[in-house]
N, C-alpha and C. Protein backbone atom coordinates (compact mmCIF):
# COMPACT_ATOMS: atom_id res chain seq x y z
N MET A 1 92.79 -163.59 0.67
CA MET A 1 93.75 -163.70 -0.51
C MET A 1 95.04 -164.34 -0.24
N SER A 2 95.43 -165.57 -1.07
CA SER A 2 96.64 -165.98 -0.70
C SER A 2 97.18 -166.37 -2.07
N LEU A 3 98.59 -166.14 -2.01
CA LEU A 3 99.35 -166.24 -3.06
C LEU A 3 100.49 -167.55 -2.80
N LEU A 4 100.76 -168.24 -3.91
CA LEU A 4 101.47 -169.15 -3.77
C LEU A 4 102.81 -169.02 -3.63
N LYS A 5 103.68 -169.52 -2.83
CA LYS A 5 104.97 -169.52 -2.78
C LYS A 5 105.70 -169.60 -4.24
N SER A 6 105.19 -170.27 -5.01
CA SER A 6 105.93 -170.48 -6.28
C SER A 6 105.62 -169.26 -7.20
N ARG A 7 105.30 -168.66 -7.02
CA ARG A 7 104.83 -167.23 -7.87
C ARG A 7 106.11 -166.69 -8.21
N SER A 8 106.66 -166.06 -9.08
CA SER A 8 107.38 -165.06 -9.50
C SER A 8 107.33 -163.77 -8.75
N ALA A 9 108.54 -163.11 -8.71
CA ALA A 9 108.48 -161.82 -8.26
C ALA A 9 107.40 -160.66 -8.73
N ALA A 10 107.43 -160.64 -9.80
CA ALA A 10 106.31 -160.03 -10.73
C ALA A 10 104.97 -160.12 -10.52
N SER A 11 104.55 -161.51 -10.34
CA SER A 11 103.24 -161.75 -9.89
C SER A 11 102.87 -161.58 -8.32
N ALA A 12 104.26 -162.02 -7.59
CA ALA A 12 104.13 -161.72 -6.28
C ALA A 12 103.70 -160.36 -5.77
N ALA A 13 104.06 -159.32 -6.83
CA ALA A 13 103.93 -157.88 -6.30
C ALA A 13 102.55 -157.56 -6.34
N ALA A 14 101.81 -158.28 -6.55
CA ALA A 14 100.25 -158.18 -6.05
C ALA A 14 100.02 -158.56 -4.63
N LEU A 15 100.69 -157.62 -4.10
CA LEU A 15 101.18 -157.78 -2.86
C LEU A 15 100.20 -157.47 -1.67
N PHE A 16 99.41 -156.33 -1.79
CA PHE A 16 98.39 -155.89 -0.96
C PHE A 16 97.00 -156.03 -1.25
N LEU A 17 96.21 -156.33 -0.53
CA LEU A 17 94.57 -156.61 -0.87
C LEU A 17 93.95 -155.45 -0.12
N ALA A 18 93.38 -154.86 -1.33
CA ALA A 18 92.74 -153.56 -0.56
C ALA A 18 91.35 -154.00 -0.23
N VAL A 19 91.07 -153.56 1.20
CA VAL A 19 89.81 -154.30 1.41
C VAL A 19 88.92 -153.33 1.75
N ALA A 20 88.90 -152.03 1.78
CA ALA A 20 88.17 -151.18 2.15
C ALA A 20 88.51 -149.60 1.46
N LEU A 21 87.56 -148.69 1.26
CA LEU A 21 87.86 -147.70 0.65
C LEU A 21 86.75 -146.83 0.70
N SER A 22 87.09 -145.41 1.19
CA SER A 22 86.22 -144.38 1.41
C SER A 22 87.12 -143.23 1.40
N ALA A 23 85.97 -142.39 1.18
CA ALA A 23 86.67 -140.89 1.89
C ALA A 23 85.64 -140.27 2.51
N ILE A 24 86.13 -139.26 3.58
CA ILE A 24 85.73 -138.29 4.13
C ILE A 24 85.63 -138.69 5.52
N PHE A 25 85.98 -137.58 6.15
CA PHE A 25 86.19 -137.16 7.84
C PHE A 25 85.97 -137.81 9.11
N ALA A 26 86.25 -139.35 9.17
CA ALA A 26 86.53 -139.81 10.37
C ALA A 26 87.58 -140.32 10.67
N SER A 27 88.03 -140.75 11.82
CA SER A 27 89.38 -141.29 12.26
C SER A 27 89.35 -142.40 12.79
N PRO A 28 90.04 -143.60 12.36
CA PRO A 28 89.93 -144.85 12.75
C PRO A 28 90.74 -144.65 14.21
N ALA A 29 90.05 -145.44 15.56
CA ALA A 29 90.91 -145.55 16.79
C ALA A 29 92.29 -145.90 16.67
N ASN A 30 93.38 -145.79 17.17
CA ASN A 30 94.74 -146.07 17.12
C ASN A 30 95.53 -145.85 16.02
N ALA A 31 95.06 -144.53 15.38
CA ALA A 31 95.81 -144.05 14.24
C ALA A 31 96.98 -143.19 14.69
N GLY A 32 97.96 -143.52 14.28
CA GLY A 32 99.08 -142.48 14.80
C GLY A 32 99.55 -141.70 13.24
N SER A 33 100.48 -140.45 13.58
CA SER A 33 100.77 -139.99 12.26
C SER A 33 102.26 -140.91 12.09
N VAL A 34 102.29 -140.57 10.83
CA VAL A 34 103.61 -141.38 10.19
C VAL A 34 104.28 -140.64 9.30
N ASN A 35 105.56 -140.84 9.15
CA ASN A 35 106.57 -139.80 8.03
C ASN A 35 106.11 -140.27 6.75
N PHE A 36 105.98 -139.22 5.77
CA PHE A 36 106.17 -139.71 4.18
C PHE A 36 106.57 -138.63 3.97
N THR A 37 106.86 -138.83 2.56
CA THR A 37 107.64 -138.31 1.40
C THR A 37 106.31 -137.53 0.37
N ASP A 38 106.59 -136.36 0.32
CA ASP A 38 105.62 -135.83 -0.64
C ASP A 38 106.24 -135.82 -1.87
N CYS A 39 105.60 -136.28 -3.35
CA CYS A 39 105.97 -136.91 -4.45
C CYS A 39 105.40 -136.28 -5.44
N GLY A 40 104.84 -135.03 -4.83
CA GLY A 40 104.68 -133.94 -6.46
C GLY A 40 102.91 -133.64 -5.93
N SER A 41 102.64 -132.93 -4.67
CA SER A 41 101.10 -132.73 -4.52
C SER A 41 100.93 -130.86 -4.96
N ALA A 42 99.90 -131.01 -5.80
CA ALA A 42 99.58 -129.60 -5.90
C ALA A 42 98.73 -129.04 -4.62
N GLY A 43 98.22 -129.90 -4.12
CA GLY A 43 97.30 -129.63 -2.99
C GLY A 43 98.12 -129.56 -1.44
N THR A 44 97.60 -129.39 -0.35
CA THR A 44 98.67 -129.54 0.73
C THR A 44 98.51 -130.67 1.70
N VAL A 45 99.50 -131.42 1.91
CA VAL A 45 99.16 -132.57 2.45
C VAL A 45 99.24 -132.24 4.00
N ASN A 46 98.51 -132.73 4.83
CA ASN A 46 98.61 -131.87 6.21
C ASN A 46 98.97 -133.13 7.03
N ASP A 47 98.63 -134.46 7.02
CA ASP A 47 99.03 -135.50 7.80
C ASP A 47 98.71 -136.62 7.32
N VAL A 48 99.42 -137.90 7.44
CA VAL A 48 99.15 -139.06 7.06
C VAL A 48 99.26 -140.07 8.18
N ARG A 49 98.08 -140.85 8.54
CA ARG A 49 97.96 -141.71 9.55
C ARG A 49 97.95 -143.07 9.16
N VAL A 50 98.29 -144.00 10.04
CA VAL A 50 98.30 -145.44 9.80
C VAL A 50 97.57 -145.88 11.08
N SER A 51 96.67 -146.90 11.15
CA SER A 51 96.37 -147.77 12.33
C SER A 51 97.42 -148.29 12.98
N ASP A 52 97.62 -148.18 14.09
CA ASP A 52 98.52 -149.05 15.19
C ASP A 52 99.82 -148.62 14.62
N SER A 53 100.36 -147.35 14.27
CA SER A 53 101.76 -147.30 13.50
C SER A 53 101.87 -145.70 14.20
N SER A 54 103.11 -145.24 14.06
CA SER A 54 103.59 -143.86 14.07
C SER A 54 105.33 -143.70 13.76
N GLY A 55 105.77 -142.77 13.37
CA GLY A 55 107.07 -142.74 12.98
C GLY A 55 107.17 -142.87 11.92
N ALA A 56 108.74 -143.10 11.08
CA ALA A 56 109.29 -143.49 10.40
C ALA A 56 108.93 -144.77 9.34
N VAL A 57 108.56 -145.66 9.91
CA VAL A 57 108.58 -146.79 9.31
C VAL A 57 107.10 -147.59 9.76
N VAL A 58 106.22 -147.98 8.83
CA VAL A 58 105.12 -148.68 9.31
C VAL A 58 105.25 -150.11 9.63
N SER A 59 105.25 -150.50 10.56
CA SER A 59 105.66 -152.16 10.90
C SER A 59 104.20 -152.55 10.74
N MET A 60 104.33 -153.75 9.67
CA MET A 60 103.06 -154.43 9.42
C MET A 60 103.24 -156.08 9.40
N ASN A 61 102.05 -156.65 9.99
CA ASN A 61 102.14 -158.03 9.90
C ASN A 61 101.10 -158.74 8.88
N PRO A 62 101.47 -159.40 8.31
CA PRO A 62 100.80 -160.38 7.22
C PRO A 62 99.23 -160.67 7.82
N GLY A 63 98.56 -160.38 7.00
CA GLY A 63 97.13 -160.73 7.00
C GLY A 63 96.33 -159.80 8.15
N ALA A 64 96.97 -158.75 8.41
CA ALA A 64 96.40 -157.69 9.19
C ALA A 64 96.24 -156.48 8.73
N ARG A 65 94.75 -155.97 8.97
CA ARG A 65 94.38 -154.81 8.32
C ARG A 65 95.05 -153.65 8.82
N TYR A 66 95.31 -152.51 7.84
CA TYR A 66 95.78 -151.22 8.33
C TYR A 66 95.08 -150.05 7.57
N ASP A 67 94.74 -149.26 8.46
CA ASP A 67 93.93 -148.24 8.09
C ASP A 67 94.76 -147.14 7.70
N PHE A 68 94.85 -146.63 6.31
CA PHE A 68 95.54 -145.59 6.10
C PHE A 68 94.66 -144.21 6.18
N GLU A 69 94.98 -143.17 6.32
CA GLU A 69 94.34 -141.89 6.36
C GLU A 69 95.16 -140.78 5.83
N ILE A 70 94.65 -139.73 4.67
CA ILE A 70 95.53 -138.65 4.41
C ILE A 70 94.62 -137.61 4.30
N ASP A 71 94.80 -136.97 5.29
CA ASP A 71 94.27 -135.16 5.18
C ASP A 71 95.09 -134.11 4.44
N LEU A 72 94.52 -133.71 3.45
CA LEU A 72 94.69 -133.08 2.65
C LEU A 72 93.89 -131.67 2.15
N THR A 73 94.21 -130.69 2.08
CA THR A 73 93.69 -129.57 1.31
C THR A 73 94.08 -129.13 -0.02
N PRO A 74 92.96 -129.64 -0.79
CA PRO A 74 93.17 -129.54 -2.44
C PRO A 74 93.29 -128.00 -2.94
N SER A 75 93.71 -128.10 -3.78
CA SER A 75 93.92 -126.80 -4.52
C SER A 75 92.97 -126.05 -5.48
N VAL A 76 92.39 -126.92 -5.94
CA VAL A 76 90.93 -127.05 -6.81
C VAL A 76 89.70 -127.39 -6.05
N SER A 77 88.60 -127.04 -6.87
CA SER A 77 87.35 -127.67 -6.42
C SER A 77 87.00 -128.82 -7.47
N ALA A 78 86.29 -129.68 -7.18
CA ALA A 78 86.04 -131.03 -8.03
C ALA A 78 84.90 -131.35 -7.46
N LEU A 79 83.93 -132.33 -8.43
CA LEU A 79 82.95 -133.13 -8.13
C LEU A 79 83.39 -134.45 -7.47
N ALA A 80 84.43 -134.67 -7.89
CA ALA A 80 84.85 -136.10 -7.72
C ALA A 80 86.47 -136.32 -7.56
N ALA A 81 86.98 -137.43 -6.82
CA ALA A 81 88.46 -137.32 -6.52
C ALA A 81 88.94 -138.92 -6.57
N THR A 82 89.88 -139.01 -7.22
CA THR A 82 90.44 -140.26 -7.89
C THR A 82 91.52 -140.94 -6.85
N LEU A 83 91.27 -141.94 -6.17
CA LEU A 83 92.62 -142.65 -5.36
C LEU A 83 93.52 -143.90 -6.18
N LEU A 84 94.57 -143.84 -6.31
CA LEU A 84 95.50 -144.77 -6.95
C LEU A 84 96.62 -144.88 -5.63
N VAL A 85 96.49 -146.29 -5.35
CA VAL A 85 97.38 -146.51 -4.50
C VAL A 85 98.28 -147.74 -4.90
N THR A 86 99.75 -147.68 -4.97
CA THR A 86 100.82 -148.60 -5.50
C THR A 86 101.62 -148.87 -4.47
N SER A 87 102.21 -150.13 -4.53
CA SER A 87 103.38 -150.86 -3.80
C SER A 87 104.52 -150.92 -4.47
N THR A 88 105.65 -151.25 -4.01
CA THR A 88 106.84 -151.52 -4.83
C THR A 88 107.55 -152.65 -3.81
N TYR A 89 107.51 -153.94 -4.70
CA TYR A 89 108.09 -154.93 -4.23
C TYR A 89 109.31 -155.44 -5.08
N LEU A 90 110.38 -155.92 -4.57
CA LEU A 90 111.71 -156.55 -5.62
C LEU A 90 111.70 -155.30 -7.05
N GLY A 91 111.38 -154.49 -7.12
CA GLY A 91 111.44 -153.55 -8.13
C GLY A 91 110.31 -153.58 -9.04
N TYR A 92 109.14 -154.16 -8.56
CA TYR A 92 107.84 -154.46 -9.49
C TYR A 92 106.91 -153.29 -8.71
N THR A 93 106.32 -152.24 -9.44
CA THR A 93 105.34 -151.73 -8.64
C THR A 93 104.08 -152.45 -9.23
N THR A 94 103.06 -152.48 -8.35
CA THR A 94 101.71 -153.00 -8.16
C THR A 94 100.66 -152.11 -7.86
N GLU A 95 99.75 -151.87 -8.70
CA GLU A 95 98.49 -150.97 -8.44
C GLU A 95 97.68 -151.52 -7.45
N ASN A 96 97.51 -151.20 -6.35
CA ASN A 96 96.54 -151.87 -5.22
C ASN A 96 94.95 -151.67 -5.27
N ILE A 97 94.73 -150.10 -5.49
CA ILE A 97 93.58 -149.42 -5.66
C ILE A 97 93.66 -148.12 -6.72
N ASN A 98 92.48 -148.44 -7.58
CA ASN A 98 92.30 -147.36 -8.32
C ASN A 98 91.11 -147.24 -8.57
N GLN A 99 89.98 -146.23 -7.95
CA GLN A 99 89.06 -146.03 -8.08
C GLN A 99 88.59 -144.44 -7.50
N VAL A 100 87.41 -144.38 -8.43
CA VAL A 100 87.01 -142.75 -8.13
C VAL A 100 86.30 -143.18 -6.45
N LEU A 101 86.72 -142.13 -5.50
CA LEU A 101 86.12 -142.01 -4.27
C LEU A 101 84.72 -141.84 -4.03
N PRO A 102 84.14 -142.59 -3.47
CA PRO A 102 82.42 -142.35 -3.22
C PRO A 102 82.03 -141.33 -2.36
N ALA A 103 80.96 -140.30 -2.86
CA ALA A 103 80.95 -139.24 -2.26
C ALA A 103 82.30 -138.12 -1.78
N SER A 104 83.16 -137.89 -3.26
CA SER A 104 84.08 -137.37 -2.66
C SER A 104 84.32 -135.98 -3.40
N MET A 105 83.14 -135.24 -3.34
CA MET A 105 83.23 -134.08 -3.90
C MET A 105 84.10 -133.03 -2.89
N ILE A 106 84.94 -132.29 -3.44
CA ILE A 106 85.93 -131.43 -2.87
C ILE A 106 85.96 -129.86 -3.21
N ALA A 107 86.28 -129.21 -2.20
CA ALA A 107 86.25 -127.67 -2.20
C ALA A 107 87.84 -127.02 -1.64
N GLN A 108 88.26 -126.40 -2.91
CA GLN A 108 89.46 -125.71 -2.66
C GLN A 108 89.74 -125.00 -1.49
N GLY A 109 90.62 -125.48 -0.91
CA GLY A 109 91.30 -124.80 0.46
C GLY A 109 90.36 -125.32 1.75
N GLN A 110 89.58 -126.31 1.68
CA GLN A 110 88.76 -127.07 2.65
C GLN A 110 89.59 -128.29 3.04
N GLN A 111 89.74 -128.67 4.08
CA GLN A 111 90.66 -130.07 4.18
C GLN A 111 89.30 -131.26 4.22
N VAL A 112 90.28 -132.43 3.72
CA VAL A 112 89.22 -133.53 3.44
C VAL A 112 90.26 -134.57 4.00
N THR A 113 89.72 -135.75 4.34
CA THR A 113 90.43 -137.15 4.48
C THR A 113 90.14 -138.05 3.83
N VAL A 114 90.95 -138.46 3.24
CA VAL A 114 90.86 -139.82 2.28
C VAL A 114 91.55 -140.89 2.98
N ARG A 115 90.38 -141.98 3.00
CA ARG A 115 90.61 -143.31 3.90
C ARG A 115 90.96 -144.26 2.68
N PHE A 116 91.76 -145.30 3.13
CA PHE A 116 91.50 -146.97 2.35
C PHE A 116 92.26 -147.63 3.64
N THR A 117 92.13 -148.88 3.27
CA THR A 117 92.76 -150.17 4.35
C THR A 117 93.34 -151.19 3.22
N ILE A 118 94.51 -151.54 3.74
CA ILE A 118 95.11 -152.58 3.04
C ILE A 118 95.74 -153.53 3.80
N THR A 119 95.94 -154.71 3.47
CA THR A 119 95.99 -155.93 4.17
C THR A 119 97.63 -156.47 3.38
N PRO A 120 98.70 -156.49 4.07
CA PRO A 120 99.89 -157.24 3.44
C PRO A 120 99.58 -158.93 3.30
N ASN A 121 100.32 -159.21 2.11
CA ASN A 121 100.41 -160.70 2.23
C ASN A 121 101.82 -161.35 2.72
N ASP A 122 101.52 -162.88 3.37
CA ASP A 122 102.75 -163.09 4.13
C ASP A 122 103.81 -163.27 2.94
N ILE A 123 103.72 -163.28 1.61
CA ILE A 123 104.60 -163.57 0.90
C ILE A 123 105.94 -162.11 1.11
N LEU A 124 105.60 -161.18 1.50
CA LEU A 124 106.11 -159.97 1.66
C LEU A 124 107.02 -160.12 2.87
N SER A 125 106.97 -161.08 4.06
CA SER A 125 107.43 -161.05 5.43
C SER A 125 108.91 -160.95 5.02
N GLY A 126 109.44 -160.03 6.11
CA GLY A 126 111.08 -159.53 6.19
C GLY A 126 111.25 -158.53 5.08
N ASN A 127 110.41 -158.09 4.16
CA ASN A 127 110.85 -156.55 3.05
C ASN A 127 110.18 -155.27 3.60
N ASP A 128 110.86 -154.33 3.13
CA ASP A 128 110.71 -153.31 3.17
C ASP A 128 109.51 -152.95 1.58
N VAL A 129 108.46 -152.35 1.89
CA VAL A 129 107.65 -151.79 0.72
C VAL A 129 106.98 -150.87 0.79
N PRO A 130 107.33 -149.72 0.10
CA PRO A 130 106.95 -148.27 0.05
C PRO A 130 105.58 -148.32 -0.62
N VAL A 131 104.52 -147.58 -0.24
CA VAL A 131 103.43 -147.92 -0.50
C VAL A 131 103.08 -146.16 -0.84
N THR A 132 102.74 -145.91 -2.27
CA THR A 132 102.57 -144.56 -2.55
C THR A 132 101.06 -144.46 -2.75
N ALA A 133 100.17 -143.21 -2.60
CA ALA A 133 98.93 -142.93 -2.34
C ALA A 133 98.78 -141.66 -3.51
N ARG A 134 98.06 -141.50 -4.59
CA ARG A 134 98.02 -140.22 -5.14
C ARG A 134 96.35 -140.03 -5.06
N VAL A 135 96.31 -138.71 -5.00
CA VAL A 135 94.52 -138.41 -4.97
C VAL A 135 94.63 -137.11 -6.34
N THR A 136 93.98 -137.56 -7.20
CA THR A 136 93.71 -136.58 -8.26
C THR A 136 92.11 -135.92 -8.35
N VAL A 137 91.69 -135.22 -9.07
CA VAL A 137 90.62 -134.93 -9.10
C VAL A 137 89.90 -135.17 -10.58
N VAL A 138 88.74 -135.86 -10.51
CA VAL A 138 88.65 -136.33 -11.90
C VAL A 138 88.30 -135.17 -13.08
N GLY A 139 88.62 -135.26 -14.14
CA GLY A 139 88.43 -134.27 -15.42
C GLY A 139 89.79 -132.94 -15.23
N LEU A 140 90.46 -133.11 -14.13
CA LEU A 140 91.81 -132.01 -14.04
C LEU A 140 92.97 -132.69 -13.76
N ALA A 141 93.81 -132.27 -14.56
CA ALA A 141 95.40 -132.53 -14.45
C ALA A 141 96.17 -132.33 -13.12
N PRO A 142 96.01 -131.58 -12.33
CA PRO A 142 96.68 -131.52 -11.14
C PRO A 142 96.67 -132.97 -9.97
N LEU A 143 97.66 -133.30 -9.70
CA LEU A 143 97.70 -134.15 -8.67
C LEU A 143 97.75 -133.66 -7.11
N GLN A 144 96.45 -133.69 -6.86
CA GLN A 144 96.49 -132.85 -5.48
C GLN A 144 97.00 -133.37 -4.11
N ALA A 145 97.31 -134.95 -4.07
CA ALA A 145 98.15 -135.34 -2.97
C ALA A 145 99.08 -136.35 -3.77
N CYS A 146 100.07 -136.67 -3.19
CA CYS A 146 101.24 -137.70 -3.69
C CYS A 146 102.01 -138.10 -2.69
N VAL A 147 101.69 -138.88 -1.79
CA VAL A 147 102.72 -139.54 -0.28
C VAL A 147 103.07 -140.76 -0.46
N THR A 148 104.45 -141.00 -0.44
CA THR A 148 105.10 -142.44 -0.22
C THR A 148 105.26 -142.49 1.35
N VAL A 149 104.89 -143.73 1.98
CA VAL A 149 105.11 -144.33 3.19
C VAL A 149 105.82 -145.39 3.11
N GLN A 150 106.76 -145.47 3.88
CA GLN A 150 107.77 -146.50 4.27
C GLN A 150 107.24 -147.40 5.15
N THR A 151 107.02 -148.96 4.53
CA THR A 151 106.45 -150.16 5.13
C THR A 151 107.19 -150.86 5.29
N HIS A 152 107.18 -151.98 6.83
CA HIS A 152 107.93 -153.03 6.69
C HIS A 152 107.33 -154.19 7.20
N VAL A 153 107.26 -155.32 6.22
CA VAL A 153 106.17 -156.50 6.74
C VAL A 153 106.96 -157.60 7.41
N ASN A 154 106.62 -157.67 8.86
CA ASN A 154 107.44 -158.59 9.53
C ASN A 154 107.07 -159.88 9.45
């Protein structure tokens, strides 16, 4: 994906390309635990990992793929879960992923891992870009997981 440098900040906020999406139980190599802010989870968020990262700020290079994983223990059981990933750039929030996770049946109290991959665009270079992921269950109101990770695009 290539964004022209002349685009406005609002359209440039289409800043991450979601290149892969899956749910369930495997860990990519080199994924380290990163700091996150819980933004209103009804379930329990146990850990957040990002490939080639650890600590307070995820340092990202434009064009490189970053695997995110969220370990959570849902507070309800459901036949399907939805993942919404947003990012904020220059005050504009952009929806990067919004879809039902494949094979995502969850059971109350049983830990699951939600995985997704994003690739930052070069228009973001030199900026801090918070990334927020929300996991909901289809047909139910409680937000099972809501985490924000601080990223910096080199």
